[in-house]
Amino acid sequence: MANKKNNNYTGRFAPSPSGPLHAGSLVAAMASYLDAKSHDGSWLVRIEDIDEARTVPGAADAITQALSIFGMRHDGEIVVQSRRKSLYQAAFDRLAGHTYACGCTRKEIADSRLATGLRFAADGAAIYPGTCRNGLGVGKIARALRLRVPEIGEQNESITFDDRWLGPLTQHLATEVGDFVLKRADGFWAYQIAVVVDDADQDITHVVRGTDLLESTGRQIYLQRLLGLPTPSYMHVPVVLNEVGEKLSKQTGAKALDLDNPLSELLRAARFLQLNIDHADSIAEFWQKAIAAWRQRFVGNDGK
């Protein structure tokens, strides 16, 4: 008899279709899959192609086929962000009074570094200096649409959450993030609003992803509060680095996974996640051992 799904747990894996799965994306997929299965929950797959300029034709199908080869079966239909733009627009409309048009180009923001002492977030992104916060300057035209974050001392200026891998964390929106983009100058909706809307629409209760997205969490929790949406539990697992210490990605030369030897790739990813699995004779045996190891490490007696 199949296990009954835990309705209190819905997780997801949300790759960008900018290329095939690589070692770093397999680690993220595995962590989210193991956490869902360890809780007897549902595991969804969402294709995050909202940045259509970076989408590689055929990549989404290649990713889902690779997940199947690795023995990761998703629940429900696959959601594709580029088909959900009306939902993001509706959410943006509900943020009236908290958003404003920005006419600054990237060069203008970069040039303001010398003049204003531009600060940078932990992820390397420039913290917007608020040039257009009180209206577009003379001669400027609206380009991006930004969300105004609370100023120092205002309610919700600090976002605190308990990360299941890293522990309690606090992010100060005003000093560490700044007013962030919801709709880009190229017309595409930004990652932050799309993810918040999709997580709520899909009833996601647990988000398991890499630490490369940790800096986005405060922004997403703030958006959830403004929109009256629930905040899921978060876990940010370590990311795989290349030889020079950069996050392994398509942009840093990550190689596609060896789909002819899926078991070897799975064992390598499990070791990276600090799971004690010496060997497995089949993919089915691997997942049986991996789920047991994950459950022992991360799932308490109360099932949380």
C-alpha atoms as a PDB file:
ATOM      1  CA  MET A   1       0.000   0.000   0.000  1.00  0.00           C
ATOM      2  CA  ALA A   2       1.340   3.445  -0.895  1.00  0.00           C
ATOM      3  CA  ASN A   3       2.161   5.822   1.931  1.00  0.00           C
ATOM      4  CA  LYS A   4      -0.501   8.405   2.643  1.00  0.00           C
ATOM      5  CA  LYS A   5       0.697  11.910   1.790  1.00  0.00           C
ATOM      6  CA  ASN A   6       1.336  14.314   4.638  1.00  0.00           C
ATOM      7  CA  ASN A   7      -0.927  17.264   3.838  1.00  0.00           C
ATOM      8  CA  ASN A   8       1.120  19.448   6.189  1.00  0.00           C
ATOM      9  CA  TYR A   9       4.188  19.230   3.941  1.00  0.00           C
ATOM     10  CA  THR A  10       4.561  20.394   0.345  1.00  0.00           C
ATOM     11  CA  GLY A  11       8.035  21.072  -0.994  1.00  0.00           C
ATOM     12  CA  ARG A  12       9.380  21.953  -4.410  1.00  0.00           C
ATOM     13  CA  PHE A  13      12.390  21.976  -6.705  1.00  0.00           C
ATOM     14  CA  ALA A  14      12.461  25.039  -8.952  1.00  0.00           C
ATOM     15  CA  PRO A  15      15.236  24.953 -11.561  1.00  0.00           C
ATOM     16  CA  SER A  16      15.868  27.601 -14.196  1.00  0.00           C
ATOM     17  CA  PRO A  17      15.930  26.097 -17.724  1.00  0.00           C
ATOM     18  CA  SER A  18      19.191  27.755 -18.720  1.00  0.00           C
ATOM     19  CA  GLY A  19      20.966  24.458 -19.314  1.00  0.00           C
ATOM     20  CA  PRO A  20      21.145  20.829 -18.156  1.00  0.00           C
ATOM     21  CA  LEU A  21      21.333  19.724 -14.541  1.00  0.00           C
ATOM     22  CA  HIS A  22      24.833  19.854 -13.039  1.00  0.00           C
ATOM     23  CA  ALA A  23      26.329  18.758  -9.727  1.00  0.00           C
ATOM     24  CA  GLY A  24      25.147  21.857  -7.895  1.00  0.00           C
ATOM     25  CA  SER A  25      21.563  21.615  -9.083  1.00  0.00           C
ATOM     26  CA  LEU A  26      21.483  17.886  -8.260  1.00  0.00           C
ATOM     27  CA  VAL A  27      22.432  18.704  -4.657  1.00  0.00           C
ATOM     28  CA  ALA A  28      19.566  21.209  -4.420  1.00  0.00           C
ATOM     29  CA  ALA A  29      17.119  18.783  -6.033  1.00  0.00           C
ATOM     30  CA  MET A  30      18.226  15.951  -3.757  1.00  0.00           C
ATOM     31  CA  ALA A  31      17.924  18.012  -0.568  1.00  0.00           C
ATOM     32  CA  SER A  32      14.405  19.171  -1.416  1.00  0.00           C
ATOM     33  CA  TYR A  33      13.354  15.675  -2.498  1.00  0.00           C
ATOM     34  CA  LEU A  34      14.764  13.997   0.618  1.00  0.00           C
ATOM     35  CA  ASP A  35      13.126  16.489   2.930  1.00  0.00           C
ATOM     36  CA  ALA A  36       9.746  15.974   1.274  1.00  0.00           C
ATOM     37  CA  LYS A  37      10.006  12.188   1.304  1.00  0.00           C
ATOM     38  CA  SER A  38      11.294  12.151   4.877  1.00  0.00           C
ATOM     39  CA  HIS A  39       8.145  13.983   5.913  1.00  0.00           C
ATOM     40  CA  ASP A  40       5.916  11.758   3.724  1.00  0.00           C
ATOM     41  CA  GLY A  41       5.002  14.969   1.915  1.00  0.00           C
ATOM     42  CA  SER A  42       4.484  16.094  -1.674  1.00  0.00           C
ATOM     43  CA  TRP A  43       7.361  17.167  -3.911  1.00  0.00           C
ATOM     44  CA  LEU A  44       6.565  19.528  -6.779  1.00  0.00           C
ATOM     45  CA  VAL A  45       8.653  20.681  -9.727  1.00  0.00           C
ATOM     46  CA  ARG A  46       8.383  24.256 -10.990  1.00  0.00           C
ATOM     47  CA  ILE A  47      10.225  25.567 -14.039  1.00  0.00           C
ATOM     48  CA  GLU A  48      11.415  29.085 -13.200  1.00  0.00           C
ATOM     49  CA  ASP A  49      11.709  30.553 -16.678  1.00  0.00           C
ATOM     50  CA  ILE A  50      10.468  34.031 -15.785  1.00  0.00           C
ATOM     51  CA  ASP A  51      13.782  35.359 -17.156  1.00  0.00           C
ATOM     52  CA  GLU A  52      12.921  34.259 -20.666  1.00  0.00           C
ATOM     53  CA  ALA A  53      16.092  35.783 -22.111  1.00  0.00           C
ATOM     54  CA  ARG A  54      18.150  33.093 -20.331  1.00  0.00           C
ATOM     55  CA  THR A  55      15.904  30.163 -21.271  1.00  0.00           C
ATOM     56  CA  VAL A  56      17.574  27.505 -23.421  1.00  0.00           C
ATOM     57  CA  PRO A  57      15.170  25.673 -25.755  1.00  0.00           C
ATOM     58  CA  GLY A  58      14.702  22.078 -24.641  1.00  0.00           C
ATOM     59  CA  ALA A  59      16.364  22.597 -21.258  1.00  0.00           C
ATOM     60  CA  ALA A  60      13.159  22.173 -19.244  1.00  0.00           C
ATOM     61  CA  ASP A  61      12.433  18.806 -20.834  1.00  0.00           C
ATOM     62  CA  ALA A  62      16.051  17.729 -20.334  1.00  0.00           C
ATOM     63  CA  ILE A  63      15.843  18.625 -16.638  1.00  0.00           C
ATOM     64  CA  THR A  64      12.628  16.679 -16.032  1.00  0.00           C
ATOM     65  CA  GLN A  65      14.003  13.683 -17.942  1.00  0.00           C
ATOM     66  CA  ALA A  66      17.176  13.769 -15.836  1.00  0.00           C
ATOM     67  CA  LEU A  67      15.160  13.872 -12.612  1.00  0.00           C
ATOM     68  CA  SER A  68      13.329  10.753 -13.791  1.00  0.00           C
ATOM     69  CA  ILE A  69      16.613   8.978 -14.544  1.00  0.00           C
ATOM     70  CA  PHE A  70      17.780   9.795 -11.009  1.00  0.00           C
ATOM     71  CA  GLY A  71      14.599   8.272  -9.599  1.00  0.00           C
ATOM     72  CA  MET A  72      13.016  11.537  -8.441  1.00  0.00           C
ATOM     73  CA  ARG A  73       9.292  11.413  -9.173  1.00  0.00           C
ATOM     74  CA  HIS A  74       7.376  14.648  -8.795  1.00  0.00           C
ATOM     75  CA  ASP A  75       3.783  15.020  -7.627  1.00  0.00           C
ATOM     76  CA  GLY A  76       1.171  16.895  -9.640  1.00  0.00           C
ATOM     77  CA  GLU A  77       1.641  18.911 -12.792  1.00  0.00           C
ATOM     78  CA  ILE A  78       4.802  20.878 -13.516  1.00  0.00           C
ATOM     79  CA  VAL A  79       4.232  24.628 -13.162  1.00  0.00           C
ATOM     80  CA  VAL A  80       5.918  26.954 -15.683  1.00  0.00           C
ATOM     81  CA  GLN A  81       6.423  30.557 -14.569  1.00  0.00           C
ATOM     82  CA  SER A  82       6.277  32.148 -18.023  1.00  0.00           C
ATOM     83  CA  ARG A  83       2.626  31.053 -18.242  1.00  0.00           C
ATOM     84  CA  ARG A  84       1.651  32.767 -14.988  1.00  0.00           C
ATOM     85  CA  LYS A  85       2.337  36.440 -15.665  1.00  0.00           C
ATOM     86  CA  SER A  86      -1.235  37.492 -14.920  1.00  0.00           C
ATOM     87  CA  LEU A  87      -0.830  36.194 -11.351  1.00  0.00           C
ATOM     88  CA  TYR A  88       2.280  38.316 -10.840  1.00  0.00           C
ATOM     89  CA  GLN A  89       0.504  41.381 -12.204  1.00  0.00           C
ATOM     90  CA  ALA A  90      -2.421  40.799  -9.837  1.00  0.00           C
ATOM     91  CA  ALA A  91      -0.046  40.549  -6.871  1.00  0.00           C
ATOM     92  CA  PHE A  92       1.760  43.721  -7.946  1.00  0.00           C
ATOM     93  CA  ASP A  93      -1.549  45.576  -8.169  1.00  0.00           C
ATOM     94  CA  ARG A  94      -2.228  44.647  -4.537  1.00  0.00           C
ATOM     95  CA  LEU A  95       1.031  46.344  -3.517  1.00  0.00           C
ATOM     96  CA  ALA A  96      -0.180  49.811  -4.515  1.00  0.00           C
ATOM     97  CA  GLY A  97       1.331  52.388  -2.184  1.00  0.00           C
ATOM     98  CA  HIS A  98       4.424  50.280  -1.539  1.00  0.00           C
ATOM     99  CA  THR A  99       5.925  50.492  -5.037  1.00  0.00           C
ATOM    100  CA  TYR A 100       7.375  53.175  -7.284  1.00  0.00           C
ATOM    101  CA  ALA A 101       8.816  53.614 -10.754  1.00  0.00           C
ATOM    102  CA  CYS A 102      12.577  53.833 -11.067  1.00  0.00           C
ATOM    103  CA  GLY A 103      14.297  55.530 -13.985  1.00  0.00           C
ATOM    104  CA  CYS A 104      17.893  54.632 -13.085  1.00  0.00           C
ATOM    105  CA  THR A 105      20.082  52.617 -15.420  1.00  0.00           C
ATOM    106  CA  ARG A 106      22.608  50.111 -14.089  1.00  0.00           C
ATOM    107  CA  LYS A 107      25.389  52.485 -15.088  1.00  0.00           C
ATOM    108  CA  GLU A 108      23.813  55.339 -13.141  1.00  0.00           C
ATOM    109  CA  ILE A 109      23.505  53.143 -10.040  1.00  0.00           C
ATOM    110  CA  ALA A 110      27.117  52.035 -10.402  1.00  0.00           C
ATOM    111  CA  ASP A 111      28.293  55.623 -10.932  1.00  0.00           C
ATOM    112  CA  SER A 112      26.534  56.673  -7.734  1.00  0.00           C
ATOM    113  CA  ARG A 113      28.987  54.547  -5.767  1.00  0.00           C
ATOM    114  CA  LEU A 114      31.586  57.313  -5.610  1.00  0.00           C
ATOM    115  CA  ALA A 115      29.061  60.042  -4.952  1.00  0.00           C
ATOM    116  CA  THR A 116      26.992  58.328  -2.275  1.00  0.00           C
ATOM    117  CA  GLY A 117      29.144  55.496  -0.955  1.00  0.00           C
ATOM    118  CA  LEU A 118      26.937  52.863  -2.544  1.00  0.00           C
ATOM    119  CA  ARG A 119      26.685  49.756  -0.369  1.00  0.00           C
ATOM    120  CA  PHE A 120      26.568  46.149  -1.502  1.00  0.00           C
ATOM    121  CA  ALA A 121      24.521  43.242  -0.196  1.00  0.00           C
ATOM    122  CA  ALA A 122      26.108  39.960   0.868  1.00  0.00           C
ATOM    123  CA  ASP A 123      25.255  38.454  -2.526  1.00  0.00           C
ATOM    124  CA  GLY A 124      27.223  41.198  -4.298  1.00  0.00           C
ATOM    125  CA  ALA A 125      24.218  43.150  -5.553  1.00  0.00           C
ATOM    126  CA  ALA A 126      24.316  46.921  -5.211  1.00  0.00           C
ATOM    127  CA  ILE A 127      21.953  48.296  -2.567  1.00  0.00           C
ATOM    128  CA  TYR A 128      19.830  50.815  -4.404  1.00  0.00           C
ATOM    129  CA  PRO A 129      20.496  54.320  -3.005  1.00  0.00           C
ATOM    130  CA  GLY A 130      16.853  55.415  -3.323  1.00  0.00           C
ATOM    131  CA  THR A 131      17.379  57.929  -6.107  1.00  0.00           C
ATOM    132  CA  CYS A 132      13.797  57.681  -7.416  1.00  0.00           C
ATOM    133  CA  ARG A 133      12.102  56.968  -4.079  1.00  0.00           C
ATOM    134  CA  ASN A 134      10.353  60.326  -4.030  1.00  0.00           C
ATOM    135  CA  GLY A 135       9.627  60.558  -7.743  1.00  0.00           C
ATOM    136  CA  LEU A 136      11.407  60.418 -11.078  1.00  0.00           C
ATOM    137  CA  GLY A 137      14.023  63.082 -11.619  1.00  0.00           C
ATOM    138  CA  VAL A 138      13.877  65.616 -14.428  1.00  0.00           C
ATOM    139  CA  GLY A 139      14.321  63.921 -17.778  1.00  0.00           C
ATOM    140  CA  LYS A 140      14.010  60.391 -16.382  1.00  0.00           C
ATOM    141  CA  ILE A 141      11.505  57.860 -17.705  1.00  0.00           C
ATOM    142  CA  ALA A 142      10.148  54.868 -15.804  1.00  0.00           C
ATOM    143  CA  ARG A 143      12.207  51.726 -16.353  1.00  0.00           C
ATOM    144  CA  ALA A 144      11.936  49.269 -13.465  1.00  0.00           C
ATOM    145  CA  LEU A 145       9.300  49.026 -10.726  1.00  0.00           C
ATOM    146  CA  ARG A 146      10.642  48.798  -7.184  1.00  0.00           C
ATOM    147  CA  LEU A 147       9.256  47.845  -3.781  1.00  0.00           C
ATOM    148  CA  ARG A 148       9.885  50.348  -0.997  1.00  0.00           C
ATOM    149  CA  VAL A 149      11.354  48.631   2.089  1.00  0.00           C
ATOM    150  CA  PRO A 150      10.841  50.009   5.622  1.00  0.00           C
ATOM    151  CA  GLU A 151      13.310  52.605   6.805  1.00  0.00           C
ATOM    152  CA  ILE A 152      15.446  52.015   9.880  1.00  0.00           C
ATOM    153  CA  GLY A 153      13.236  51.896  12.949  1.00  0.00           C
ATOM    154  CA  GLU A 154      10.005  51.180  11.077  1.00  0.00           C
ATOM    155  CA  GLN A 155       7.963  48.033  11.568  1.00  0.00           C
ATOM    156  CA  ASN A 156       9.289  45.013   9.603  1.00  0.00           C
ATOM    157  CA  GLU A 157      12.641  46.718   9.000  1.00  0.00           C
ATOM    158  CA  SER A 158      14.303  43.556  10.351  1.00  0.00           C
ATOM    159  CA  ILE A 159      13.280  40.120   9.115  1.00  0.00           C
ATOM    160  CA  THR A 160      14.103  37.202  11.417  1.00  0.00           C
ATOM    161  CA  PHE A 161      13.561  33.547  10.558  1.00  0.00           C
ATOM    162  CA  ASP A 162      14.820  30.169  11.775  1.00  0.00           C
ATOM    163  CA  ASP A 163      16.678  28.375   9.011  1.00  0.00           C
ATOM    164  CA  ARG A 164      16.594  24.600   9.480  1.00  0.00           C
ATOM    165  CA  TRP A 165      20.223  24.212   8.352  1.00  0.00           C
ATOM    166  CA  LEU A 166      21.805  27.492   9.470  1.00  0.00           C
ATOM    167  CA  GLY A 167      19.772  28.377  12.577  1.00  0.00           C
ATOM    168  CA  PRO A 168      18.258  31.774  13.515  1.00  0.00           C
ATOM    169  CA  LEU A 169      19.020  34.546  11.018  1.00  0.00           C
ATOM    170  CA  THR A 170      18.156  38.237  10.777  1.00  0.00           C
ATOM    171  CA  GLN A 171      18.268  40.493   7.742  1.00  0.00           C
ATOM    172  CA  HIS A 172      17.935  44.280   7.983  1.00  0.00           C
ATOM    173  CA  LEU A 173      16.068  45.313   4.866  1.00  0.00           C
ATOM    174  CA  ALA A 174      17.005  48.986   4.879  1.00  0.00           C
ATOM    175  CA  THR A 175      20.761  48.495   5.326  1.00  0.00           C
ATOM    176  CA  GLU A 176      21.314  45.062   3.742  1.00  0.00           C
ATOM    177  CA  VAL A 177      18.796  44.976   0.890  1.00  0.00           C
ATOM    178  CA  GLY A 178      17.320  48.347  -0.038  1.00  0.00           C
ATOM    179  CA  ASP A 179      14.355  48.965  -2.336  1.00  0.00           C
ATOM    180  CA  PHE A 180      14.329  46.011  -4.711  1.00  0.00           C
ATOM    181  CA  VAL A 181      12.997  45.432  -8.222  1.00  0.00           C
ATOM    182  CA  LEU A 182       9.665  43.687  -8.810  1.00  0.00           C
ATOM    183  CA  LYS A 183       9.490  44.313 -12.551  1.00  0.00           C
ATOM    184  CA  ARG A 184      12.638  44.733 -14.590  1.00  0.00           C
ATOM    185  CA  ALA A 185      13.462  47.321 -17.207  1.00  0.00           C
ATOM    186  CA  ASP A 186      13.229  44.621 -19.904  1.00  0.00           C
ATOM    187  CA  GLY A 187       9.596  43.993 -18.961  1.00  0.00           C
ATOM    188  CA  PHE A 188      10.109  40.667 -17.194  1.00  0.00           C
ATOM    189  CA  TRP A 189       8.783  40.120 -13.687  1.00  0.00           C
ATOM    190  CA  ALA A 190      11.556  39.748 -11.122  1.00  0.00           C
ATOM    191  CA  TYR A 191      12.399  36.507  -9.361  1.00  0.00           C
ATOM    192  CA  GLN A 192      11.276  37.729  -5.928  1.00  0.00           C
ATOM    193  CA  ILE A 193       7.632  38.418  -6.713  1.00  0.00           C
ATOM    194  CA  ALA A 194       7.255  35.370  -8.976  1.00  0.00           C
ATOM    195  CA  VAL A 195       8.577  32.990  -6.321  1.00  0.00           C
ATOM    196  CA  VAL A 196       6.412  34.457  -3.560  1.00  0.00           C
ATOM    197  CA  VAL A 197       3.265  34.227  -5.681  1.00  0.00           C
ATOM    198  CA  ASP A 198       4.038  30.700  -6.889  1.00  0.00           C
ATOM    199  CA  ASP A 199       4.921  29.340  -3.444  1.00  0.00           C
ATOM    200  CA  ALA A 200       1.629  30.611  -2.050  1.00  0.00           C
ATOM    201  CA  ASP A 201      -0.413  29.464  -5.040  1.00  0.00           C
ATOM    202  CA  GLN A 202       1.072  25.959  -4.811  1.00  0.00           C
ATOM    203  CA  ASP A 203       0.636  25.813  -1.007  1.00  0.00           C
ATOM    204  CA  ILE A 204       4.361  25.321  -0.462  1.00  0.00           C
ATOM    205  CA  THR A 205       5.010  24.743   3.247  1.00  0.00           C
ATOM    206  CA  HIS A 206       8.758  24.007   3.141  1.00  0.00           C
ATOM    207  CA  VAL A 207      11.415  25.574   0.928  1.00  0.00           C
ATOM    208  CA  VAL A 208      14.723  23.718   0.667  1.00  0.00           C
ATOM    209  CA  ARG A 209      17.289  25.396  -1.595  1.00  0.00           C
ATOM    210  CA  GLY A 210      20.924  26.491  -1.806  1.00  0.00           C
ATOM    211  CA  THR A 211      22.586  29.202   0.250  1.00  0.00           C
ATOM    212  CA  ASP A 212      23.046  31.191  -2.966  1.00  0.00           C
ATOM    213  CA  LEU A 213      19.394  32.176  -2.486  1.00  0.00           C
ATOM    214  CA  LEU A 214      19.683  32.943   1.220  1.00  0.00           C
ATOM    215  CA  GLU A 215      19.873  36.705   0.618  1.00  0.00           C
ATOM    216  CA  SER A 216      16.488  36.563  -1.128  1.00  0.00           C
ATOM    217  CA  THR A 217      14.686  35.167   1.897  1.00  0.00           C
ATOM    218  CA  GLY A 218      14.204  38.439   3.780  1.00  0.00           C
ATOM    219  CA  ARG A 219      12.770  40.078   0.664  1.00  0.00           C
ATOM    220  CA  GLN A 220      10.391  37.194   0.098  1.00  0.00           C
ATOM    221  CA  ILE A 221       9.170  37.127   3.705  1.00  0.00           C
ATOM    222  CA  TYR A 222       8.521  40.876   3.544  1.00  0.00           C
ATOM    223  CA  LEU A 223       6.534  40.442   0.327  1.00  0.00           C
ATOM    224  CA  GLN A 224       4.562  37.608   1.926  1.00  0.00           C
ATOM    225  CA  ARG A 225       3.635  39.889   4.810  1.00  0.00           C
ATOM    226  CA  LEU A 226       2.534  42.716   2.530  1.00  0.00           C
ATOM    227  CA  LEU A 227       0.416  40.355   0.439  1.00  0.00           C
ATOM    228  CA  GLY A 228      -1.035  38.518   3.433  1.00  0.00           C
ATOM    229  CA  LEU A 229       0.498  35.202   2.347  1.00  0.00           C
ATOM    230  CA  PRO A 230       1.839  32.426   4.593  1.00  0.00           C
ATOM    231  CA  THR A 231       5.576  32.126   5.170  1.00  0.00           C
ATOM    232  CA  PRO A 232       6.974  28.636   4.583  1.00  0.00           C
ATOM    233  CA  SER A 233       9.728  26.981   6.587  1.00  0.00           C
ATOM    234  CA  TYR A 234      13.172  27.585   5.055  1.00  0.00           C
ATOM    235  CA  MET A 235      16.290  25.456   4.792  1.00  0.00           C
ATOM    236  CA  HIS A 236      19.356  26.638   2.865  1.00  0.00           C
ATOM    237  CA  VAL A 237      21.888  23.907   2.109  1.00  0.00           C
ATOM    238  CA  PRO A 238      25.533  24.497   1.090  1.00  0.00           C
ATOM    239  CA  VAL A 239      26.228  25.080  -2.594  1.00  0.00           C
ATOM    240  CA  VAL A 240      28.809  23.243  -4.661  1.00  0.00           C
ATOM    241  CA  LEU A 241      31.819  25.396  -5.582  1.00  0.00           C
ATOM    242  CA  ASN A 242      34.205  25.152  -8.523  1.00  0.00           C
ATOM    243  CA  GLU A 243      37.994  24.996  -8.344  1.00  0.00           C
ATOM    244  CA  VAL A 244      38.362  28.752  -7.722  1.00  0.00           C
ATOM    245  CA  GLY A 245      35.671  28.962  -5.034  1.00  0.00           C
ATOM    246  CA  GLU A 246      32.813  30.214  -7.196  1.00  0.00           C
ATOM    247  CA  LYS A 247      29.319  28.767  -7.004  1.00  0.00           C
ATOM    248  CA  LEU A 248      29.075  25.982  -9.552  1.00  0.00           C
ATOM    249  CA  SER A 249      26.645  27.089 -12.248  1.00  0.00           C
ATOM    250  CA  LYS A 250      26.205  27.224 -15.985  1.00  0.00           C
ATOM    251  CA  GLN A 251      27.907  30.632 -15.935  1.00  0.00           C
ATOM    252  CA  THR A 252      30.999  29.241 -14.157  1.00  0.00           C
ATOM    253  CA  GLY A 253      31.459  26.280 -16.467  1.00  0.00           C
ATOM    254  CA  ALA A 254      29.512  23.550 -14.681  1.00  0.00           C
ATOM    255  CA  LYS A 255      29.485  20.284 -16.621  1.00  0.00           C
ATOM    256  CA  ALA A 256      26.310  18.364 -17.287  1.00  0.00           C
ATOM    257  CA  LEU A 257      25.721  15.321 -15.100  1.00  0.00           C
ATOM    258  CA  ASP A 258      26.667  11.873 -16.328  1.00  0.00           C
ATOM    259  CA  LEU A 259      23.254  10.375 -16.991  1.00  0.00           C
ATOM    260  CA  ASP A 260      24.840   7.050 -17.945  1.00  0.00           C
ATOM    261  CA  ASN A 261      26.062   6.646 -14.351  1.00  0.00           C
ATOM    262  CA  PRO A 262      23.254   8.106 -12.230  1.00  0.00           C
ATOM    263  CA  LEU A 263      24.070   6.079  -9.128  1.00  0.00           C
ATOM    264  CA  SER A 264      27.591   7.493  -8.946  1.00  0.00           C
ATOM    265  CA  GLU A 265      26.240  11.023  -9.297  1.00  0.00           C
ATOM    266  CA  LEU A 266      23.674  10.404  -6.540  1.00  0.00           C
ATOM    267  CA  LEU A 267      26.280   9.023  -4.134  1.00  0.00           C
ATOM    268  CA  ARG A 268      28.544  12.017  -4.791  1.00  0.00           C
ATOM    269  CA  ALA A 269      25.707  14.471  -4.087  1.00  0.00           C
ATOM    270  CA  ALA A 270      24.762  12.600  -0.903  1.00  0.00           C
ATOM    271  CA  ARG A 271      28.331  12.821   0.391  1.00  0.00           C
ATOM    272  CA  PHE A 272      28.295  16.558  -0.249  1.00  0.00           C
ATOM    273  CA  LEU A 273      25.146  16.797   1.878  1.00  0.00           C
ATOM    274  CA  GLN A 274      27.012  14.946   4.641  1.00  0.00           C
ATOM    275  CA  LEU A 275      24.877  11.821   4.428  1.00  0.00           C
ATOM    276  CA  ASN A 276      26.653   8.639   5.452  1.00  0.00           C
ATOM    277  CA  ILE A 277      25.899   6.344   2.534  1.00  0.00           C
ATOM    278  CA  ASP A 278      28.848   4.129   1.636  1.00  0.00           C
ATOM    279  CA  HIS A 279      27.300   2.357  -1.323  1.00  0.00           C
ATOM    280  CA  ALA A 280      24.090   1.258  -2.975  1.00  0.00           C
ATOM    281  CA  ASP A 281      23.519  -1.430  -5.564  1.00  0.00           C
ATOM    282  CA  SER A 282      20.583   0.307  -7.196  1.00  0.00           C
ATOM    283  CA  ILE A 283      18.879   3.673  -7.398  1.00  0.00           C
ATOM    284  CA  ALA A 284      15.963   2.311  -5.359  1.00  0.00           C
ATOM    285  CA  GLU A 285      18.341   1.169  -2.613  1.00  0.00           C
ATOM    286  CA  PHE A 286      20.103   4.526  -2.681  1.00  0.00           C
ATOM    287  CA  TRP A 287      16.895   6.449  -2.044  1.00  0.00           C
ATOM    288  CA  GLN A 288      15.850   4.056   0.702  1.00  0.00           C
ATOM    289  CA  LYS A 289      19.145   4.672   2.515  1.00  0.00           C
ATOM    290  CA  ALA A 290      19.223   8.394   1.769  1.00  0.00           C
ATOM    291  CA  ILE A 291      15.692   9.014   3.034  1.00  0.00           C
ATOM    292  CA  ALA A 292      16.456   7.100   6.237  1.00  0.00           C
ATOM    293  CA  ALA A 293      19.676   9.107   6.756  1.00  0.00           C
ATOM    294  CA  TRP A 294      17.954  12.436   6.114  1.00  0.00           C
ATOM    295  CA  ARG A 295      15.035  11.556   8.382  1.00  0.00           C
ATOM    296  CA  GLN A 296      17.398  10.640  11.208  1.00  0.00           C
ATOM    297  CA  ARG A 297      19.286  13.909  10.856  1.00  0.00           C
ATOM    298  CA  PHE A 298      16.577  16.475  10.127  1.00  0.00           C
ATOM    299  CA  VAL A 299      13.168  15.106  11.089  1.00  0.00           C
ATOM    300  CA  GLY A 300      12.308  15.072  14.784  1.00  0.00           C
ATOM    301  CA  ASN A 301      10.075  12.670  16.631  1.00  0.00           C
ATOM    302  CA  ASP A 302       7.201  15.068  16.100  1.00  0.00           C
ATOM    303  CA  GLY A 303       7.685  14.801  12.329  1.00  0.00           C
ATOM    304  CA  LYS A 304       8.880  18.386  11.923  1.00  0.00           C
END
